[in-house]
Amino acid sequence: AAAPRPHRTGHPAPRAARPVMAAGARGAQVRELQARLTQLGLFDRAPTGYYAAVTATAVRAFQKQQGLPRTGTVQPALWSALRARTHRPSRADLYPATSRPVGTPDPRCLTGRVICISKRSNTLAWVVDGRIVSAMDVRFGSQYTPTREGTFAITFKSRRHVSTLYHTAMPYAMFFSGGQAVHYSADFAARGYTGASHGCVNVRDKAKVAALFDAVRKGTKVVVYH
């Protein structure tokens, strides 16, 4: 005899709650998420609005605190719990002046107009006569294609540059050592520190690097240090 068929109630099986936010998401809500996680000491960078590996790690840490499965995605219940335990972020919380503490610039950066780049803090500071005018997050080359350290000068600028070697866009490129340049990176903006350059200094904030590009001239000093 045929096996009995399972009884059907006519109601579909319940679906898992759809995540509010997950890796790959971007926008104002992700920025708010990051600012709220910062309040709890779980996210140690300024909000970017991009949900990548660092954000997922911070979410897992909060899930662990709440005794929830560490999925790295934000479900409705988790979002409610986070909002209940934090205050609404201010504009300064959401858009801080710089993403990382710059600290005291290298002494070589304190005279004249200098692009001062710290590998220790992953920060580029535009310093004029010892005063930090602007600062922005940067990332560097991998261990196989490291960004060179030392004192250099801008040799060439290209607003809409495309790498002839890697065939990738390098907007607002400011070359300072052979093929190594400071430039905007859409990949850095999307993926954060999970990636690396081929030796260039990648900038995440397009508006800031565009302003820097306009301020810098050929011959401007560049200092890269650890």
N, C-alpha and C. Protein backbone atom coordinates (compact mmCIF):
# COMPACT_ATOMS: atom_id res chain seq x y z
N ALA A 1 0.85 -1.19 0.00
CA ALA A 1 0.00 0.00 0.00
C ALA A 1 0.88 1.23 0.00
N ALA A 2 0.36 2.24 -0.61
CA ALA A 2 1.11 3.49 -0.68
C ALA A 2 1.19 4.14 0.69
N ALA A 3 2.30 4.81 0.93
CA ALA A 3 2.47 5.50 2.21
C ALA A 3 1.47 6.64 2.32
N PRO A 4 0.93 6.86 3.50
CA PRO A 4 -0.06 7.94 3.65
C PRO A 4 0.58 9.31 3.39
N ARG A 5 -0.17 10.17 2.75
CA ARG A 5 0.33 11.51 2.47
C ARG A 5 0.24 12.37 3.73
N PRO A 6 1.20 13.27 3.90
CA PRO A 6 1.13 14.15 5.08
C PRO A 6 -0.09 15.05 5.01
N HIS A 7 -0.68 15.29 6.17
CA HIS A 7 -1.87 16.13 6.23
C HIS A 7 -1.51 17.58 5.94
N ARG A 8 -2.27 18.25 5.10
CA ARG A 8 -2.04 19.64 4.77
C ARG A 8 -3.11 20.50 5.43
N THR A 9 -2.66 21.56 6.04
CA THR A 9 -3.60 22.44 6.73
C THR A 9 -4.11 23.55 5.82
N GLY A 10 -3.43 23.75 4.69
CA GLY A 10 -3.83 24.83 3.80
C GLY A 10 -3.09 26.12 4.09
N HIS A 11 -2.25 26.14 5.15
CA HIS A 11 -1.46 27.32 5.48
C HIS A 11 -0.01 27.09 5.10
N PRO A 12 0.63 28.02 4.42
CA PRO A 12 2.03 27.85 4.05
C PRO A 12 2.93 27.85 5.28
N ALA A 13 4.05 27.18 5.15
CA ALA A 13 5.01 27.15 6.27
C ALA A 13 5.52 28.56 6.53
N PRO A 14 5.72 28.89 7.80
CA PRO A 14 6.20 30.25 8.10
C PRO A 14 7.59 30.48 7.54
N ARG A 15 7.81 31.68 7.02
CA ARG A 15 9.12 32.02 6.46
C ARG A 15 9.96 32.73 7.51
N ALA A 16 11.25 32.54 7.39
CA ALA A 16 12.16 33.24 8.30
C ALA A 16 12.06 34.74 8.05
N ALA A 17 12.21 35.48 9.11
CA ALA A 17 12.12 36.94 8.99
C ALA A 17 13.19 37.44 8.03
N ARG A 18 12.79 38.32 7.15
CA ARG A 18 13.71 38.87 6.18
C ARG A 18 14.61 39.89 6.87
N PRO A 19 15.93 39.84 6.64
CA PRO A 19 16.80 40.78 7.34
C PRO A 19 16.53 42.23 6.94
N VAL A 20 16.66 43.11 7.92
CA VAL A 20 16.53 44.53 7.65
C VAL A 20 17.76 45.02 6.90
N MET A 21 18.92 44.53 7.34
CA MET A 21 20.19 44.89 6.71
C MET A 21 21.13 43.69 6.70
N ALA A 22 21.95 43.62 5.65
CA ALA A 22 22.92 42.53 5.53
C ALA A 22 24.08 43.02 4.67
N ALA A 23 25.11 42.20 4.58
CA ALA A 23 26.29 42.57 3.80
C ALA A 23 25.90 42.98 2.39
N GLY A 24 26.47 44.07 1.94
CA GLY A 24 26.16 44.60 0.62
C GLY A 24 25.19 45.76 0.64
N ALA A 25 24.48 45.92 1.78
CA ALA A 25 23.54 47.04 1.90
C ALA A 25 24.30 48.35 2.04
N ARG A 26 23.65 49.43 1.67
CA ARG A 26 24.26 50.73 1.82
C ARG A 26 23.19 51.79 1.98
N GLY A 27 23.56 52.91 2.57
CA GLY A 27 22.59 53.99 2.72
C GLY A 27 22.51 54.53 4.13
N ALA A 28 21.52 55.40 4.34
CA ALA A 28 21.39 56.11 5.62
C ALA A 28 21.12 55.16 6.78
N GLN A 29 20.35 54.10 6.56
CA GLN A 29 20.04 53.19 7.65
C GLN A 29 21.29 52.43 8.11
N VAL A 30 22.15 52.07 7.17
CA VAL A 30 23.41 51.39 7.53
C VAL A 30 24.29 52.35 8.33
N ARG A 31 24.31 53.60 7.93
CA ARG A 31 25.10 54.60 8.65
C ARG A 31 24.59 54.74 10.10
N GLU A 32 23.25 54.73 10.25
CA GLU A 32 22.66 54.80 11.60
C GLU A 32 23.02 53.56 12.40
N LEU A 33 22.96 52.40 11.77
CA LEU A 33 23.35 51.15 12.44
C LEU A 33 24.76 51.25 12.97
N GLN A 34 25.68 51.72 12.14
CA GLN A 34 27.08 51.81 12.55
C GLN A 34 27.26 52.81 13.70
N ALA A 35 26.54 53.93 13.63
CA ALA A 35 26.64 54.94 14.69
C ALA A 35 26.11 54.39 16.01
N ARG A 36 25.03 53.64 15.96
CA ARG A 36 24.48 53.05 17.19
C ARG A 36 25.42 51.97 17.75
N LEU A 37 26.04 51.18 16.89
CA LEU A 37 26.99 50.18 17.35
C LEU A 37 28.23 50.86 17.97
N THR A 38 28.59 52.02 17.45
CA THR A 38 29.70 52.79 18.02
C THR A 38 29.40 53.18 19.46
N GLN A 39 28.15 53.56 19.73
CA GLN A 39 27.76 53.95 21.09
C GLN A 39 27.99 52.81 22.08
N LEU A 40 27.90 51.58 21.60
CA LEU A 40 28.08 50.41 22.47
C LEU A 40 29.52 49.91 22.46
N GLY A 41 30.39 50.63 21.75
CA GLY A 41 31.80 50.24 21.69
C GLY A 41 32.06 49.04 20.81
N LEU A 42 31.17 48.78 19.86
CA LEU A 42 31.30 47.60 19.01
C LEU A 42 31.79 47.92 17.60
N PHE A 43 31.75 49.18 17.22
CA PHE A 43 32.17 49.60 15.88
C PHE A 43 33.17 50.75 16.07
N ASP A 44 34.45 50.50 15.76
CA ASP A 44 35.49 51.46 16.11
C ASP A 44 35.91 52.37 14.96
N ARG A 45 35.03 52.52 13.98
CA ARG A 45 35.30 53.42 12.87
C ARG A 45 34.12 54.36 12.69
N ALA A 46 34.35 55.42 11.96
CA ALA A 46 33.24 56.33 11.70
C ALA A 46 32.25 55.68 10.73
N PRO A 47 30.98 56.01 10.83
CA PRO A 47 29.98 55.43 9.93
C PRO A 47 30.33 55.72 8.47
N THR A 48 30.14 54.72 7.63
CA THR A 48 30.44 54.85 6.21
C THR A 48 29.19 54.72 5.34
N GLY A 49 28.15 54.04 5.88
CA GLY A 49 26.97 53.78 5.07
C GLY A 49 27.10 52.54 4.21
N TYR A 50 28.20 51.79 4.38
CA TYR A 50 28.43 50.57 3.61
C TYR A 50 28.52 49.38 4.57
N TYR A 51 27.71 48.36 4.31
CA TYR A 51 27.65 47.18 5.18
C TYR A 51 28.60 46.12 4.63
N ALA A 52 29.79 46.06 5.22
CA ALA A 52 30.78 45.08 4.80
C ALA A 52 31.24 44.26 6.00
N ALA A 53 32.43 43.69 5.91
CA ALA A 53 32.88 42.72 6.92
C ALA A 53 32.98 43.31 8.32
N VAL A 54 33.48 44.54 8.44
CA VAL A 54 33.65 45.14 9.76
C VAL A 54 32.30 45.34 10.44
N THR A 55 31.31 45.78 9.67
CA THR A 55 29.97 45.98 10.21
C THR A 55 29.36 44.64 10.63
N ALA A 56 29.53 43.63 9.80
CA ALA A 56 29.00 42.31 10.13
C ALA A 56 29.61 41.77 11.42
N THR A 57 30.90 42.00 11.62
CA THR A 57 31.57 41.56 12.85
C THR A 57 30.99 42.27 14.07
N ALA A 58 30.72 43.57 13.94
CA ALA A 58 30.13 44.34 15.04
C ALA A 58 28.72 43.85 15.35
N VAL A 59 27.97 43.53 14.31
CA VAL A 59 26.61 43.01 14.51
C VAL A 59 26.66 41.67 15.24
N ARG A 60 27.60 40.82 14.87
CA ARG A 60 27.73 39.51 15.55
C ARG A 60 28.05 39.71 17.03
N ALA A 61 28.87 40.70 17.33
CA ALA A 61 29.21 40.97 18.73
C ALA A 61 27.97 41.38 19.51
N PHE A 62 27.11 42.20 18.90
CA PHE A 62 25.87 42.60 19.57
C PHE A 62 24.93 41.41 19.70
N GLN A 63 24.85 40.57 18.68
CA GLN A 63 24.03 39.37 18.75
C GLN A 63 24.49 38.47 19.88
N LYS A 64 25.79 38.36 20.06
CA LYS A 64 26.33 37.55 21.16
C LYS A 64 25.88 38.12 22.50
N GLN A 65 25.95 39.43 22.65
CA GLN A 65 25.51 40.08 23.89
C GLN A 65 24.04 39.79 24.18
N GLN A 66 23.25 39.72 23.10
CA GLN A 66 21.81 39.52 23.26
C GLN A 66 21.42 38.05 23.30
N GLY A 67 22.39 37.17 23.18
CA GLY A 67 22.09 35.74 23.19
C GLY A 67 21.38 35.26 21.94
N LEU A 68 21.66 35.92 20.83
CA LEU A 68 21.01 35.58 19.56
C LEU A 68 22.00 34.88 18.63
N PRO A 69 21.49 34.15 17.64
CA PRO A 69 22.40 33.52 16.67
C PRO A 69 23.27 34.57 16.00
N ARG A 70 24.55 34.28 15.89
CA ARG A 70 25.50 35.25 15.34
C ARG A 70 25.55 35.14 13.82
N THR A 71 24.54 35.71 13.18
CA THR A 71 24.42 35.63 11.72
C THR A 71 25.15 36.76 11.00
N GLY A 72 25.36 37.86 11.70
CA GLY A 72 25.98 39.01 11.06
C GLY A 72 25.00 39.83 10.24
N THR A 73 23.73 39.47 10.28
CA THR A 73 22.69 40.24 9.59
C THR A 73 21.74 40.83 10.63
N VAL A 74 21.11 41.92 10.27
CA VAL A 74 20.22 42.61 11.20
C VAL A 74 18.77 42.22 10.93
N GLN A 75 18.17 41.48 11.86
CA GLN A 75 16.77 41.12 11.78
C GLN A 75 15.93 42.18 12.49
N PRO A 76 14.62 42.23 12.23
CA PRO A 76 13.77 43.24 12.87
C PRO A 76 13.90 43.28 14.39
N ALA A 77 13.95 42.11 15.05
CA ALA A 77 14.05 42.08 16.51
C ALA A 77 15.37 42.66 16.99
N LEU A 78 16.44 42.38 16.26
CA LEU A 78 17.75 42.90 16.65
C LEU A 78 17.80 44.42 16.46
N TRP A 79 17.24 44.89 15.40
CA TRP A 79 17.21 46.33 15.13
C TRP A 79 16.44 47.06 16.23
N SER A 80 15.34 46.48 16.66
CA SER A 80 14.55 47.07 17.75
C SER A 80 15.35 47.08 19.05
N ALA A 81 16.05 45.98 19.33
CA ALA A 81 16.85 45.90 20.55
C ALA A 81 17.98 46.92 20.54
N LEU A 82 18.60 47.10 19.38
CA LEU A 82 19.70 48.06 19.27
C LEU A 82 19.19 49.48 19.46
N ARG A 83 18.06 49.79 18.88
CA ARG A 83 17.49 51.14 19.01
C ARG A 83 17.07 51.42 20.46
N ALA A 84 16.61 50.38 21.15
CA ALA A 84 16.17 50.56 22.54
C ALA A 84 17.36 50.83 23.47
N ARG A 85 18.54 50.35 23.10
CA ARG A 85 19.71 50.46 23.96
C ARG A 85 20.64 51.61 23.58
N THR A 86 20.27 52.37 22.58
CA THR A 86 21.10 53.49 22.13
C THR A 86 20.22 54.70 21.88
N HIS A 87 20.87 55.86 21.80
CA HIS A 87 20.11 57.07 21.48
C HIS A 87 20.22 57.39 20.00
N ARG A 88 19.33 58.21 19.53
CA ARG A 88 19.34 58.58 18.11
C ARG A 88 20.64 59.33 17.79
N PRO A 89 21.40 58.88 16.80
CA PRO A 89 22.68 59.54 16.50
C PRO A 89 22.48 60.96 15.98
N SER A 90 23.36 61.84 16.40
CA SER A 90 23.34 63.21 15.90
C SER A 90 24.02 63.25 14.54
N ARG A 91 23.92 64.40 13.88
CA ARG A 91 24.60 64.51 12.58
C ARG A 91 26.11 64.37 12.75
N ALA A 92 26.64 64.90 13.86
CA ALA A 92 28.08 64.77 14.12
C ALA A 92 28.48 63.31 14.31
N ASP A 93 27.56 62.51 14.90
CA ASP A 93 27.82 61.08 15.07
C ASP A 93 27.84 60.37 13.71
N LEU A 94 26.93 60.78 12.84
CA LEU A 94 26.78 60.13 11.54
C LEU A 94 27.84 60.57 10.55
N TYR A 95 28.25 61.83 10.65
CA TYR A 95 29.22 62.39 9.71
C TYR A 95 30.36 63.10 10.47
N PRO A 96 31.19 62.33 11.16
CA PRO A 96 32.29 62.97 11.90
C PRO A 96 33.28 63.63 10.94
N ALA A 97 34.03 64.57 11.46
CA ALA A 97 34.96 65.33 10.62
C ALA A 97 35.99 64.43 9.96
N THR A 98 36.44 63.41 10.65
CA THR A 98 37.36 62.45 10.07
C THR A 98 37.05 61.09 10.64
N SER A 99 37.34 60.06 9.88
CA SER A 99 36.95 58.72 10.28
C SER A 99 37.84 58.11 11.34
N ARG A 100 39.08 58.59 11.43
CA ARG A 100 40.01 58.00 12.39
C ARG A 100 40.81 59.11 13.06
N PRO A 101 41.23 58.89 14.29
CA PRO A 101 42.06 59.92 14.93
C PRO A 101 43.37 60.07 14.18
N VAL A 102 43.66 61.29 13.75
CA VAL A 102 44.88 61.52 12.98
C VAL A 102 46.10 61.57 13.89
N GLY A 103 45.93 62.12 15.09
CA GLY A 103 47.05 62.26 16.00
C GLY A 103 47.98 63.37 15.53
N THR A 104 49.18 63.41 16.08
CA THR A 104 50.16 64.42 15.69
C THR A 104 50.83 63.98 14.40
N PRO A 105 50.78 64.81 13.35
CA PRO A 105 51.40 64.42 12.09
C PRO A 105 52.91 64.24 12.23
N ASP A 106 53.48 63.47 11.33
CA ASP A 106 54.92 63.29 11.27
C ASP A 106 55.58 64.68 11.15
N PRO A 107 56.74 64.88 11.79
CA PRO A 107 57.41 66.19 11.73
C PRO A 107 57.64 66.69 10.30
N ARG A 108 57.80 65.78 9.36
CA ARG A 108 58.01 66.17 7.96
C ARG A 108 56.79 66.84 7.34
N CYS A 109 55.64 66.71 8.03
CA CYS A 109 54.39 67.25 7.51
C CYS A 109 54.07 68.65 8.02
N LEU A 110 54.90 69.19 8.87
CA LEU A 110 54.53 70.41 9.59
C LEU A 110 54.94 71.71 8.91
N THR A 111 55.62 71.61 7.78
CA THR A 111 56.04 72.82 7.07
C THR A 111 55.53 72.79 5.63
N GLY A 112 54.87 73.87 5.22
CA GLY A 112 54.38 73.96 3.86
C GLY A 112 53.08 73.19 3.63
N ARG A 113 52.83 72.82 2.39
CA ARG A 113 51.62 72.09 1.99
C ARG A 113 51.99 70.62 1.77
N VAL A 114 51.42 69.74 2.57
CA VAL A 114 51.85 68.34 2.58
C VAL A 114 50.65 67.39 2.62
N ILE A 115 50.72 66.36 1.78
CA ILE A 115 49.80 65.22 1.89
C ILE A 115 50.47 64.25 2.85
N CYS A 116 49.93 64.14 4.06
CA CYS A 116 50.56 63.40 5.15
C CYS A 116 49.78 62.10 5.36
N ILE A 117 50.42 60.96 5.09
CA ILE A 117 49.72 59.68 5.06
C ILE A 117 50.28 58.74 6.12
N SER A 118 49.43 58.36 7.07
CA SER A 118 49.84 57.49 8.17
C SER A 118 49.31 56.07 7.96
N LYS A 119 50.21 55.11 7.87
CA LYS A 119 49.79 53.71 7.78
C LYS A 119 49.28 53.20 9.11
N ARG A 120 49.74 53.81 10.19
CA ARG A 120 49.32 53.37 11.52
C ARG A 120 47.84 53.64 11.75
N SER A 121 47.37 54.82 11.35
CA SER A 121 45.97 55.18 11.58
C SER A 121 45.10 55.04 10.33
N ASN A 122 45.72 54.60 9.20
CA ASN A 122 44.98 54.50 7.93
C ASN A 122 44.31 55.82 7.58
N THR A 123 45.06 56.91 7.72
CA THR A 123 44.52 58.24 7.52
C THR A 123 45.41 59.08 6.62
N LEU A 124 44.79 59.82 5.74
CA LEU A 124 45.48 60.84 4.96
C LEU A 124 45.04 62.20 5.50
N ALA A 125 46.00 63.04 5.83
CA ALA A 125 45.70 64.40 6.29
C ALA A 125 46.30 65.39 5.31
N TRP A 126 45.51 66.38 4.93
CA TRP A 126 46.00 67.49 4.10
C TRP A 126 46.41 68.58 5.07
N VAL A 127 47.72 68.81 5.18
CA VAL A 127 48.28 69.70 6.18
C VAL A 127 48.87 70.93 5.49
N VAL A 128 48.46 72.10 5.93
CA VAL A 128 48.98 73.35 5.39
C VAL A 128 49.58 74.16 6.53
N ASP A 129 50.90 74.37 6.46
CA ASP A 129 51.62 75.12 7.49
C ASP A 129 51.34 74.58 8.90
N GLY A 130 51.33 73.26 9.02
CA GLY A 130 51.15 72.61 10.31
C GLY A 130 49.72 72.45 10.76
N ARG A 131 48.75 72.92 9.98
CA ARG A 131 47.34 72.82 10.36
C ARG A 131 46.64 71.77 9.49
N ILE A 132 45.91 70.85 10.12
CA ILE A 132 45.18 69.83 9.37
C ILE A 132 43.92 70.46 8.79
N VAL A 133 43.88 70.56 7.47
CA VAL A 133 42.74 71.16 6.77
C VAL A 133 41.63 70.14 6.57
N SER A 134 42.00 68.93 6.20
CA SER A 134 41.02 67.85 6.02
C SER A 134 41.72 66.52 6.26
N ALA A 135 40.93 65.50 6.55
CA ALA A 135 41.47 64.17 6.77
C ALA A 135 40.49 63.14 6.24
N MET A 136 40.99 62.01 5.83
CA MET A 136 40.13 61.00 5.22
C MET A 136 40.71 59.60 5.40
N ASP A 137 39.84 58.60 5.39
CA ASP A 137 40.25 57.20 5.50
C ASP A 137 40.99 56.77 4.24
N VAL A 138 42.05 55.99 4.41
CA VAL A 138 42.76 55.43 3.28
C VAL A 138 43.12 53.97 3.56
N ARG A 139 43.40 53.23 2.51
CA ARG A 139 43.96 51.88 2.65
C ARG A 139 45.13 51.77 1.68
N PHE A 140 45.89 50.71 1.82
CA PHE A 140 47.17 50.62 1.12
C PHE A 140 47.29 49.32 0.33
N GLY A 141 48.49 49.11 -0.23
CA GLY A 141 48.75 47.89 -0.98
C GLY A 141 48.87 46.69 -0.05
N SER A 142 48.76 45.51 -0.64
CA SER A 142 48.90 44.27 0.13
C SER A 142 50.37 44.02 0.42
N GLN A 143 50.66 42.92 1.14
CA GLN A 143 52.05 42.60 1.46
C GLN A 143 52.85 42.28 0.21
N TYR A 144 52.16 41.91 -0.88
CA TYR A 144 52.84 41.58 -2.13
C TYR A 144 53.04 42.81 -3.01
N THR A 145 52.22 43.84 -2.80
CA THR A 145 52.36 45.09 -3.56
C THR A 145 52.28 46.25 -2.57
N PRO A 146 53.26 46.39 -1.69
CA PRO A 146 53.17 47.39 -0.62
C PRO A 146 53.27 48.82 -1.13
N THR A 147 52.62 49.71 -0.40
CA THR A 147 52.76 51.14 -0.67
C THR A 147 54.09 51.60 -0.11
N ARG A 148 54.87 52.28 -0.93
CA ARG A 148 56.20 52.71 -0.50
C ARG A 148 56.11 53.81 0.55
N GLU A 149 57.04 53.77 1.50
CA GLU A 149 57.12 54.79 2.54
C GLU A 149 58.27 55.74 2.26
N GLY A 150 58.11 56.98 2.70
CA GLY A 150 59.18 57.96 2.50
C GLY A 150 58.60 59.32 2.17
N THR A 151 59.47 60.21 1.70
CA THR A 151 59.07 61.55 1.30
C THR A 151 59.12 61.65 -0.22
N PHE A 152 58.02 62.08 -0.82
CA PHE A 152 57.89 62.13 -2.27
C PHE A 152 57.32 63.49 -2.68
N ALA A 153 57.02 63.62 -3.96
CA ALA A 153 56.36 64.82 -4.47
C ALA A 153 55.40 64.41 -5.58
N ILE A 154 54.30 65.13 -5.71
CA ILE A 154 53.33 64.84 -6.77
C ILE A 154 54.01 65.10 -8.12
N THR A 155 53.98 64.09 -8.98
CA THR A 155 54.62 64.20 -10.30
C THR A 155 53.61 64.39 -11.42
N PHE A 156 52.35 63.93 -11.19
CA PHE A 156 51.37 63.94 -12.28
C PHE A 156 49.98 63.80 -11.68
N LYS A 157 49.02 64.53 -12.23
CA LYS A 157 47.63 64.45 -11.80
C LYS A 157 46.74 64.05 -12.98
N SER A 158 45.73 63.22 -12.70
CA SER A 158 44.80 62.80 -13.75
C SER A 158 43.42 62.60 -13.15
N ARG A 159 42.49 63.48 -13.50
CA ARG A 159 41.16 63.48 -12.89
C ARG A 159 40.36 62.22 -13.19
N ARG A 160 40.46 61.71 -14.40
CA ARG A 160 39.67 60.52 -14.81
C ARG A 160 40.60 59.40 -15.27
N HIS A 161 41.59 59.12 -14.46
CA HIS A 161 42.62 58.16 -14.85
C HIS A 161 42.08 56.72 -14.85
N VAL A 162 42.58 55.93 -15.80
CA VAL A 162 42.31 54.50 -15.85
C VAL A 162 43.65 53.78 -15.93
N SER A 163 43.87 52.82 -15.05
CA SER A 163 45.14 52.10 -15.01
C SER A 163 45.35 51.32 -16.30
N THR A 164 46.50 51.54 -16.93
CA THR A 164 46.82 50.79 -18.15
C THR A 164 47.29 49.38 -17.81
N LEU A 165 47.70 49.18 -16.55
CA LEU A 165 48.19 47.86 -16.12
C LEU A 165 47.05 46.97 -15.64
N TYR A 166 46.13 47.54 -14.83
CA TYR A 166 45.04 46.74 -14.25
C TYR A 166 43.67 47.06 -14.87
N HIS A 167 43.62 48.06 -15.74
CA HIS A 167 42.39 48.43 -16.44
C HIS A 167 41.25 48.76 -15.48
N THR A 168 41.60 49.44 -14.40
CA THR A 168 40.60 49.86 -13.42
C THR A 168 40.61 51.38 -13.30
N ALA A 169 39.45 51.93 -12.93
CA ALA A 169 39.33 53.38 -12.80
C ALA A 169 40.09 53.88 -11.57
N MET A 170 40.77 55.01 -11.73
CA MET A 170 41.51 55.64 -10.63
C MET A 170 41.17 57.13 -10.62
N PRO A 171 39.92 57.47 -10.30
CA PRO A 171 39.54 58.90 -10.34
C PRO A 171 40.36 59.75 -9.39
N TYR A 172 40.62 60.98 -9.80
CA TYR A 172 41.35 61.95 -8.97
C TYR A 172 42.73 61.41 -8.59
N ALA A 173 43.42 60.81 -9.56
CA ALA A 173 44.74 60.23 -9.29
C ALA A 173 45.80 61.31 -9.16
N MET A 174 46.61 61.19 -8.09
CA MET A 174 47.74 62.08 -7.85
C MET A 174 48.97 61.21 -7.64
N PHE A 175 49.79 61.09 -8.68
CA PHE A 175 50.94 60.18 -8.65
C PHE A 175 52.10 60.80 -7.88
N PHE A 176 52.71 59.97 -7.02
CA PHE A 176 53.81 60.47 -6.19
C PHE A 176 55.06 59.59 -6.22
N SER A 177 54.95 58.33 -6.68
CA SER A 177 56.10 57.43 -6.71
C SER A 177 55.89 56.39 -7.81
N GLY A 178 56.44 56.66 -8.98
CA GLY A 178 56.23 55.74 -10.10
C GLY A 178 54.75 55.61 -10.42
N GLY A 179 54.25 54.35 -10.39
CA GLY A 179 52.84 54.12 -10.67
C GLY A 179 51.95 54.22 -9.45
N GLN A 180 52.50 54.57 -8.29
CA GLN A 180 51.70 54.66 -7.07
C GLN A 180 51.11 56.07 -6.95
N ALA A 181 49.83 56.10 -6.63
CA ALA A 181 49.11 57.37 -6.58
C ALA A 181 48.10 57.36 -5.45
N VAL A 182 47.72 58.54 -5.02
CA VAL A 182 46.55 58.72 -4.16
C VAL A 182 45.36 58.87 -5.09
N HIS A 183 44.28 58.10 -4.86
CA HIS A 183 43.10 58.24 -5.72
C HIS A 183 41.86 57.67 -5.04
N TYR A 184 40.70 58.07 -5.55
CA TYR A 184 39.44 57.52 -5.05
C TYR A 184 39.31 56.06 -5.46
N SER A 185 38.72 55.24 -4.58
CA SER A 185 38.50 53.83 -4.89
C SER A 185 37.06 53.44 -4.59
N ALA A 186 36.32 53.11 -5.63
CA ALA A 186 34.94 52.65 -5.44
C ALA A 186 34.91 51.32 -4.70
N ASP A 187 35.94 50.50 -4.90
CA ASP A 187 36.01 49.21 -4.21
C ASP A 187 36.19 49.42 -2.71
N PHE A 188 37.04 50.37 -2.34
CA PHE A 188 37.24 50.69 -0.91
C PHE A 188 35.94 51.21 -0.31
N ALA A 189 35.24 52.06 -1.07
CA ALA A 189 33.96 52.60 -0.59
C ALA A 189 32.95 51.48 -0.36
N ALA A 190 32.97 50.46 -1.20
CA ALA A 190 31.99 49.38 -1.10
C ALA A 190 32.39 48.29 -0.12
N ARG A 191 33.67 47.93 -0.08
CA ARG A 191 34.11 46.76 0.69
C ARG A 191 34.95 47.10 1.91
N GLY A 192 35.37 48.34 2.03
CA GLY A 192 36.18 48.70 3.18
C GLY A 192 37.54 48.03 3.18
N TYR A 193 37.99 47.67 4.37
CA TYR A 193 39.35 47.17 4.54
C TYR A 193 39.49 45.68 4.22
N THR A 194 38.47 45.07 3.67
CA THR A 194 38.59 43.66 3.29
C THR A 194 39.44 43.51 2.03
N GLY A 195 39.63 44.59 1.30
CA GLY A 195 40.45 44.55 0.09
C GLY A 195 41.74 45.33 0.28
N ALA A 196 42.50 45.47 -0.80
CA ALA A 196 43.75 46.22 -0.77
C ALA A 196 44.02 46.74 -2.18
N SER A 197 44.92 47.70 -2.27
CA SER A 197 45.30 48.23 -3.58
C SER A 197 46.50 47.45 -4.12
N HIS A 198 46.96 47.87 -5.29
CA HIS A 198 48.19 47.29 -5.85
C HIS A 198 49.39 48.17 -5.52
N GLY A 199 49.25 48.96 -4.46
CA GLY A 199 50.33 49.84 -4.03
C GLY A 199 49.89 51.28 -3.89
N CYS A 200 48.78 51.63 -4.51
CA CYS A 200 48.28 53.00 -4.42
C CYS A 200 47.67 53.27 -3.04
N VAL A 201 47.44 54.54 -2.76
CA VAL A 201 46.75 54.95 -1.55
C VAL A 201 45.29 55.18 -1.93
N ASN A 202 44.42 54.26 -1.56
CA ASN A 202 42.99 54.36 -1.87
C ASN A 202 42.28 55.27 -0.89
N VAL A 203 41.42 56.14 -1.38
CA VAL A 203 40.61 57.02 -0.54
C VAL A 203 39.16 56.60 -0.67
N ARG A 204 38.45 56.55 0.46
CA ARG A 204 37.05 56.09 0.46
C ARG A 204 36.07 57.22 0.15
N ASP A 205 36.37 58.43 0.58
CA ASP A 205 35.44 59.56 0.46
C ASP A 205 35.71 60.32 -0.84
N LYS A 206 34.79 60.20 -1.79
CA LYS A 206 34.99 60.79 -3.11
C LYS A 206 35.01 62.31 -3.07
N ALA A 207 34.12 62.90 -2.28
CA ALA A 207 34.06 64.36 -2.20
C ALA A 207 35.35 64.94 -1.62
N LYS A 208 35.89 64.28 -0.60
CA LYS A 208 37.11 64.79 0.04
C LYS A 208 38.32 64.68 -0.87
N VAL A 209 38.45 63.56 -1.59
CA VAL A 209 39.61 63.42 -2.46
C VAL A 209 39.48 64.34 -3.68
N ALA A 210 38.25 64.63 -4.10
CA ALA A 210 38.06 65.57 -5.20
C ALA A 210 38.51 66.97 -4.78
N ALA A 211 38.19 67.36 -3.55
CA ALA A 211 38.62 68.66 -3.05
C ALA A 211 40.14 68.70 -2.91
N LEU A 212 40.73 67.60 -2.45
CA LEU A 212 42.18 67.52 -2.32
C LEU A 212 42.84 67.64 -3.70
N PHE A 213 42.27 66.96 -4.68
CA PHE A 213 42.80 66.99 -6.05
C PHE A 213 42.87 68.43 -6.56
N ASP A 214 41.83 69.20 -6.27
CA ASP A 214 41.80 70.59 -6.74
C ASP A 214 42.81 71.46 -6.01
N ALA A 215 43.14 71.11 -4.75
CA ALA A 215 44.05 71.93 -3.95
C ALA A 215 45.52 71.62 -4.21
N VAL A 216 45.79 70.39 -4.65
CA VAL A 216 47.18 69.93 -4.81
C VAL A 216 47.75 70.36 -6.17
N ARG A 217 49.01 70.68 -6.17
CA ARG A 217 49.72 71.04 -7.40
C ARG A 217 50.88 70.08 -7.63
N LYS A 218 51.39 70.04 -8.84
CA LYS A 218 52.57 69.25 -9.14
C LYS A 218 53.71 69.75 -8.26
N GLY A 219 54.41 68.84 -7.63
CA GLY A 219 55.49 69.21 -6.73
C GLY A 219 55.10 69.23 -5.26
N THR A 220 53.79 69.13 -4.96
CA THR A 220 53.35 69.08 -3.57
C THR A 220 53.98 67.89 -2.86
N LYS A 221 54.45 68.13 -1.65
CA LYS A 221 55.13 67.07 -0.89
C LYS A 221 54.14 66.01 -0.40
N VAL A 222 54.58 64.77 -0.45
CA VAL A 222 53.81 63.63 0.06
C VAL A 222 54.70 62.86 1.03
N VAL A 223 54.19 62.63 2.23
CA VAL A 223 54.93 61.86 3.23
C VAL A 223 54.10 60.64 3.59
N VAL A 224 54.67 59.47 3.41
CA VAL A 224 54.02 58.20 3.77
C VAL A 224 54.85 57.56 4.88
N TYR A 225 54.25 57.32 6.01
CA TYR A 225 55.00 56.79 7.15
C TYR A 225 54.16 55.82 7.95
N HIS A 226 54.80 55.06 8.81
CA HIS A 226 54.11 54.09 9.66
C HIS A 226 54.03 54.63 11.07
